[in-house]
Amino acid sequence: MPHPHQRRAPIQKNPVYSAVIYDKNLRVNQMTWISGEKYNFGDSKYELQTEEKIFNLKGNKIEVGDLKIGDKVKIYFTSDIAVLETYPGKIESKCISKVVKQ
């Protein structure tokens, strides 16, 4: 148990970002930080490589086809985010906890 005057290191939350669908295949841009650890996504475009982790606001699973160009999504990442150096940058499924259509 820490001494009453000692501080514990803050617990880092997993990153959460909002983004906009700009093309089919879960391609997003306009990545905006919401909470958790910050990553430097910049103004780039990304393809989220997950089809099994997409939900609506009620928590119901939805299909990639339910997302339309211009839809806003919230992306919940795991603690490790790796972006493949392709265009658009690809973010693997193992780096994504869930994608929620707003």
N, C-alpha and C. Protein backbone atom coordinates (compact mmCIF):
# COMPACT_ATOMS: atom_id res chain seq x y z
N MET A 1 0.86 -1.18 0.00
CA MET A 1 0.00 0.00 0.00
C MET A 1 0.90 1.24 0.00
N PRO A 2 0.65 2.19 -0.88
CA PRO A 2 1.51 3.38 -0.93
C PRO A 2 1.34 4.24 0.31
N HIS A 3 2.40 4.92 0.63
CA HIS A 3 2.38 5.88 1.73
C HIS A 3 1.33 6.94 1.40
N PRO A 4 0.59 7.48 2.41
CA PRO A 4 -0.47 8.45 2.13
C PRO A 4 -0.03 9.67 1.33
N HIS A 5 1.25 10.00 1.40
CA HIS A 5 1.73 11.19 0.68
C HIS A 5 2.35 10.85 -0.67
N GLN A 6 2.37 9.57 -1.02
CA GLN A 6 2.90 9.17 -2.31
C GLN A 6 1.77 9.19 -3.34
N ARG A 7 2.13 9.55 -4.54
CA ARG A 7 1.14 9.54 -5.62
C ARG A 7 1.38 8.33 -6.50
N ARG A 8 0.30 7.77 -6.95
CA ARG A 8 0.41 6.67 -7.91
C ARG A 8 0.52 7.26 -9.31
N ALA A 9 1.18 6.54 -10.17
CA ALA A 9 1.26 6.98 -11.57
C ALA A 9 -0.14 6.91 -12.17
N PRO A 10 -0.51 7.91 -12.97
CA PRO A 10 -1.84 7.88 -13.58
C PRO A 10 -1.98 6.67 -14.51
N ILE A 11 -3.15 6.10 -14.54
CA ILE A 11 -3.42 4.97 -15.41
C ILE A 11 -3.77 5.52 -16.80
N GLN A 12 -3.02 5.08 -17.79
CA GLN A 12 -3.28 5.52 -19.16
C GLN A 12 -4.50 4.79 -19.70
N LYS A 13 -5.44 5.54 -20.22
CA LYS A 13 -6.60 4.94 -20.86
C LYS A 13 -6.27 4.64 -22.31
N ASN A 14 -6.92 3.61 -22.83
CA ASN A 14 -6.74 3.31 -24.24
C ASN A 14 -7.29 4.46 -25.08
N PRO A 15 -6.67 4.73 -26.22
CA PRO A 15 -7.08 5.86 -27.06
C PRO A 15 -8.47 5.70 -27.66
N VAL A 16 -9.19 6.81 -27.72
CA VAL A 16 -10.48 6.88 -28.39
C VAL A 16 -10.43 8.08 -29.33
N TYR A 17 -10.81 7.85 -30.58
CA TYR A 17 -10.80 8.90 -31.61
C TYR A 17 -12.14 8.90 -32.34
N SER A 18 -12.51 10.07 -32.86
CA SER A 18 -13.64 10.13 -33.78
C SER A 18 -13.05 10.26 -35.18
N ALA A 19 -13.82 9.86 -36.17
CA ALA A 19 -13.37 9.94 -37.56
C ALA A 19 -14.59 9.97 -38.46
N VAL A 20 -14.34 10.24 -39.75
CA VAL A 20 -15.42 10.30 -40.74
C VAL A 20 -15.12 9.27 -41.83
N ILE A 21 -16.14 8.50 -42.21
CA ILE A 21 -16.00 7.54 -43.31
C ILE A 21 -15.90 8.34 -44.61
N TYR A 22 -14.83 8.11 -45.39
CA TYR A 22 -14.69 8.84 -46.66
C TYR A 22 -14.78 7.90 -47.87
N ASP A 23 -14.77 6.60 -47.64
CA ASP A 23 -14.84 5.64 -48.73
C ASP A 23 -15.27 4.29 -48.15
N LYS A 24 -15.65 3.36 -49.03
CA LYS A 24 -16.02 2.03 -48.54
C LYS A 24 -14.81 1.34 -47.92
N ASN A 25 -15.00 0.16 -47.38
CA ASN A 25 -13.95 -0.63 -46.74
C ASN A 25 -13.41 0.02 -45.47
N LEU A 26 -14.27 0.71 -44.73
CA LEU A 26 -13.88 1.33 -43.46
C LEU A 26 -12.70 2.29 -43.61
N ARG A 27 -12.72 3.07 -44.67
CA ARG A 27 -11.68 4.09 -44.84
C ARG A 27 -12.14 5.37 -44.17
N VAL A 28 -11.27 5.89 -43.29
CA VAL A 28 -11.62 7.06 -42.48
C VAL A 28 -10.57 8.15 -42.61
N ASN A 29 -11.02 9.38 -42.35
CA ASN A 29 -10.11 10.52 -42.24
C ASN A 29 -10.65 11.42 -41.14
N GLN A 30 -10.08 12.59 -41.00
CA GLN A 30 -10.48 13.55 -39.97
C GLN A 30 -10.44 12.92 -38.57
N MET A 31 -9.35 12.20 -38.29
CA MET A 31 -9.18 11.55 -36.98
C MET A 31 -9.01 12.64 -35.92
N THR A 32 -9.86 12.63 -34.92
CA THR A 32 -9.84 13.63 -33.85
C THR A 32 -9.76 12.92 -32.51
N TRP A 33 -8.80 13.32 -31.68
CA TRP A 33 -8.61 12.72 -30.37
C TRP A 33 -9.78 13.05 -29.45
N ILE A 34 -10.27 12.04 -28.71
CA ILE A 34 -11.32 12.24 -27.73
C ILE A 34 -10.78 12.02 -26.32
N SER A 35 -10.13 10.87 -26.10
CA SER A 35 -9.61 10.59 -24.76
C SER A 35 -8.53 9.52 -24.83
N GLY A 36 -7.88 9.29 -23.68
CA GLY A 36 -6.82 8.30 -23.60
C GLY A 36 -5.52 8.84 -24.15
N GLU A 37 -4.63 7.92 -24.45
CA GLU A 37 -3.32 8.30 -24.95
C GLU A 37 -3.46 8.92 -26.34
N LYS A 38 -2.66 9.95 -26.61
CA LYS A 38 -2.72 10.64 -27.90
C LYS A 38 -1.69 10.06 -28.86
N TYR A 39 -2.11 9.87 -30.09
CA TYR A 39 -1.21 9.45 -31.16
C TYR A 39 -1.22 10.53 -32.23
N ASN A 40 -0.15 10.60 -33.00
CA ASN A 40 -0.05 11.61 -34.04
C ASN A 40 -0.56 11.04 -35.36
N PHE A 41 -1.87 11.04 -35.53
CA PHE A 41 -2.45 10.55 -36.77
C PHE A 41 -2.38 11.60 -37.87
N GLY A 42 -2.26 12.86 -37.50
CA GLY A 42 -2.18 13.92 -38.50
C GLY A 42 -3.43 13.99 -39.35
N ASP A 43 -3.27 14.50 -40.57
CA ASP A 43 -4.40 14.66 -41.48
C ASP A 43 -4.50 13.52 -42.49
N SER A 44 -3.88 12.40 -42.17
CA SER A 44 -3.84 11.28 -43.11
C SER A 44 -5.15 10.52 -43.19
N LYS A 45 -5.18 9.58 -44.12
CA LYS A 45 -6.34 8.71 -44.31
C LYS A 45 -5.94 7.30 -43.88
N TYR A 46 -6.93 6.56 -43.34
CA TYR A 46 -6.64 5.24 -42.81
C TYR A 46 -7.73 4.25 -43.21
N GLU A 47 -7.34 2.99 -43.27
CA GLU A 47 -8.30 1.91 -43.48
C GLU A 47 -8.29 1.05 -42.23
N LEU A 48 -9.46 0.93 -41.60
CA LEU A 48 -9.60 0.11 -40.40
C LEU A 48 -9.87 -1.32 -40.85
N GLN A 49 -8.98 -2.22 -40.50
CA GLN A 49 -9.10 -3.60 -40.98
C GLN A 49 -9.86 -4.46 -39.98
N THR A 50 -11.11 -4.12 -39.76
CA THR A 50 -11.97 -4.93 -38.90
C THR A 50 -13.39 -4.90 -39.45
N GLU A 51 -13.99 -6.05 -39.52
CA GLU A 51 -15.39 -6.11 -39.94
C GLU A 51 -16.26 -6.68 -38.83
N GLU A 52 -15.63 -7.32 -37.85
CA GLU A 52 -16.39 -8.00 -36.81
C GLU A 52 -16.59 -7.16 -35.56
N LYS A 53 -16.06 -5.95 -35.53
CA LYS A 53 -16.13 -5.12 -34.31
C LYS A 53 -16.84 -3.79 -34.55
N ILE A 54 -17.89 -3.79 -35.38
CA ILE A 54 -18.61 -2.56 -35.71
C ILE A 54 -19.99 -2.60 -35.06
N PHE A 55 -20.34 -1.52 -34.36
CA PHE A 55 -21.59 -1.47 -33.60
C PHE A 55 -22.31 -0.14 -33.83
N ASN A 56 -23.63 -0.12 -33.55
CA ASN A 56 -24.37 1.13 -33.54
C ASN A 56 -24.39 1.68 -32.12
N LEU A 57 -25.03 2.82 -31.92
CA LEU A 57 -25.04 3.46 -30.59
C LEU A 57 -25.74 2.62 -29.53
N LYS A 58 -26.62 1.71 -29.95
CA LYS A 58 -27.33 0.85 -28.99
C LYS A 58 -26.50 -0.37 -28.60
N GLY A 59 -25.32 -0.52 -29.21
CA GLY A 59 -24.46 -1.66 -28.91
C GLY A 59 -24.73 -2.88 -29.77
N ASN A 60 -25.61 -2.74 -30.76
CA ASN A 60 -25.90 -3.85 -31.67
C ASN A 60 -24.85 -3.91 -32.77
N LYS A 61 -24.43 -5.12 -33.10
CA LYS A 61 -23.45 -5.31 -34.15
C LYS A 61 -24.07 -4.92 -35.49
N ILE A 62 -23.30 -4.20 -36.32
CA ILE A 62 -23.76 -3.83 -37.66
C ILE A 62 -22.69 -4.25 -38.67
N GLU A 63 -23.06 -4.21 -39.93
CA GLU A 63 -22.16 -4.61 -41.02
C GLU A 63 -21.43 -3.40 -41.60
N VAL A 64 -20.32 -3.66 -42.26
CA VAL A 64 -19.57 -2.58 -42.92
C VAL A 64 -20.48 -1.83 -43.89
N GLY A 65 -21.36 -2.54 -44.59
CA GLY A 65 -22.27 -1.93 -45.55
C GLY A 65 -23.26 -0.95 -44.93
N ASP A 66 -23.44 -1.02 -43.60
CA ASP A 66 -24.33 -0.08 -42.91
C ASP A 66 -23.68 1.29 -42.73
N LEU A 67 -22.38 1.39 -42.99
CA LEU A 67 -21.67 2.66 -42.89
C LEU A 67 -21.64 3.33 -44.25
N LYS A 68 -22.00 4.58 -44.30
CA LYS A 68 -22.04 5.33 -45.55
C LYS A 68 -20.99 6.44 -45.52
N ILE A 69 -20.59 6.89 -46.70
CA ILE A 69 -19.64 8.01 -46.79
C ILE A 69 -20.23 9.21 -46.07
N GLY A 70 -19.44 9.82 -45.21
CA GLY A 70 -19.88 10.97 -44.43
C GLY A 70 -20.31 10.61 -43.02
N ASP A 71 -20.52 9.30 -42.74
CA ASP A 71 -20.89 8.88 -41.39
C ASP A 71 -19.74 9.14 -40.42
N LYS A 72 -20.09 9.53 -39.21
CA LYS A 72 -19.09 9.71 -38.16
C LYS A 72 -19.04 8.43 -37.34
N VAL A 73 -17.82 8.04 -36.96
CA VAL A 73 -17.62 6.87 -36.13
C VAL A 73 -16.71 7.22 -34.97
N LYS A 74 -16.82 6.45 -33.91
CA LYS A 74 -15.92 6.57 -32.78
C LYS A 74 -15.10 5.28 -32.76
N ILE A 75 -13.77 5.42 -32.71
CA ILE A 75 -12.88 4.26 -32.77
C ILE A 75 -12.23 4.08 -31.40
N TYR A 76 -12.42 2.91 -30.82
CA TYR A 76 -11.82 2.56 -29.54
C TYR A 76 -10.64 1.64 -29.84
N PHE A 77 -9.44 2.11 -29.53
CA PHE A 77 -8.23 1.35 -29.83
C PHE A 77 -7.77 0.54 -28.62
N THR A 78 -6.96 -0.47 -28.89
CA THR A 78 -6.26 -1.18 -27.83
C THR A 78 -5.07 -0.31 -27.44
N SER A 79 -4.28 -0.77 -26.50
CA SER A 79 -3.15 0.06 -26.06
C SER A 79 -2.04 0.14 -27.10
N ASP A 80 -1.93 -0.84 -27.98
CA ASP A 80 -0.90 -0.83 -29.02
C ASP A 80 -1.52 -0.51 -30.37
N ILE A 81 -1.09 0.59 -30.95
CA ILE A 81 -1.58 0.96 -32.28
C ILE A 81 -0.41 0.91 -33.25
N ALA A 82 -0.56 0.09 -34.27
CA ALA A 82 0.45 0.01 -35.32
C ALA A 82 -0.23 0.33 -36.65
N VAL A 83 0.37 1.23 -37.40
CA VAL A 83 -0.17 1.62 -38.70
C VAL A 83 0.77 1.11 -39.78
N LEU A 84 0.25 0.30 -40.69
CA LEU A 84 1.07 -0.19 -41.80
C LEU A 84 1.33 0.97 -42.75
N GLU A 85 2.56 1.06 -43.23
CA GLU A 85 2.95 2.17 -44.09
C GLU A 85 2.50 1.92 -45.53
N THR A 86 1.21 2.08 -45.74
CA THR A 86 0.60 1.95 -47.06
C THR A 86 -0.23 3.21 -47.26
N TYR A 87 -0.85 3.33 -48.43
CA TYR A 87 -1.79 4.44 -48.60
C TYR A 87 -3.12 3.89 -49.03
N PRO A 88 -4.17 4.10 -48.27
CA PRO A 88 -4.14 4.75 -46.96
C PRO A 88 -3.47 3.84 -45.93
N GLY A 89 -3.02 4.43 -44.83
CA GLY A 89 -2.41 3.65 -43.76
C GLY A 89 -3.40 2.63 -43.23
N LYS A 90 -2.96 1.40 -43.03
CA LYS A 90 -3.86 0.35 -42.55
C LYS A 90 -3.64 0.11 -41.06
N ILE A 91 -4.76 0.08 -40.33
CA ILE A 91 -4.72 -0.21 -38.90
C ILE A 91 -5.35 -1.58 -38.72
N GLU A 92 -4.55 -2.54 -38.24
CA GLU A 92 -5.00 -3.92 -38.13
C GLU A 92 -6.07 -4.10 -37.06
N SER A 93 -6.87 -5.14 -37.24
CA SER A 93 -7.97 -5.46 -36.33
C SER A 93 -7.50 -5.62 -34.89
N LYS A 94 -6.31 -6.20 -34.68
CA LYS A 94 -5.83 -6.42 -33.31
C LYS A 94 -5.60 -5.11 -32.56
N CYS A 95 -5.53 -4.00 -33.26
CA CYS A 95 -5.32 -2.68 -32.64
C CYS A 95 -6.64 -1.98 -32.32
N ILE A 96 -7.76 -2.59 -32.72
CA ILE A 96 -9.07 -1.94 -32.59
C ILE A 96 -9.96 -2.76 -31.65
N SER A 97 -10.47 -2.11 -30.60
CA SER A 97 -11.41 -2.78 -29.70
C SER A 97 -12.80 -2.80 -30.31
N LYS A 98 -13.23 -1.62 -30.82
CA LYS A 98 -14.53 -1.54 -31.48
C LYS A 98 -14.64 -0.23 -32.24
N VAL A 99 -15.57 -0.22 -33.21
CA VAL A 99 -15.91 0.96 -33.99
C VAL A 99 -17.41 1.18 -33.79
N VAL A 100 -17.79 2.40 -33.40
CA VAL A 100 -19.20 2.68 -33.12
C VAL A 100 -19.69 3.79 -34.06
N LYS A 101 -20.74 3.47 -34.84
CA LYS A 101 -21.36 4.46 -35.72
C LYS A 101 -22.10 5.47 -34.85
N GLN A 102 -21.86 6.76 -35.09
CA GLN A 102 -22.48 7.82 -34.29
C GLN A 102 -23.81 8.26 -34.83
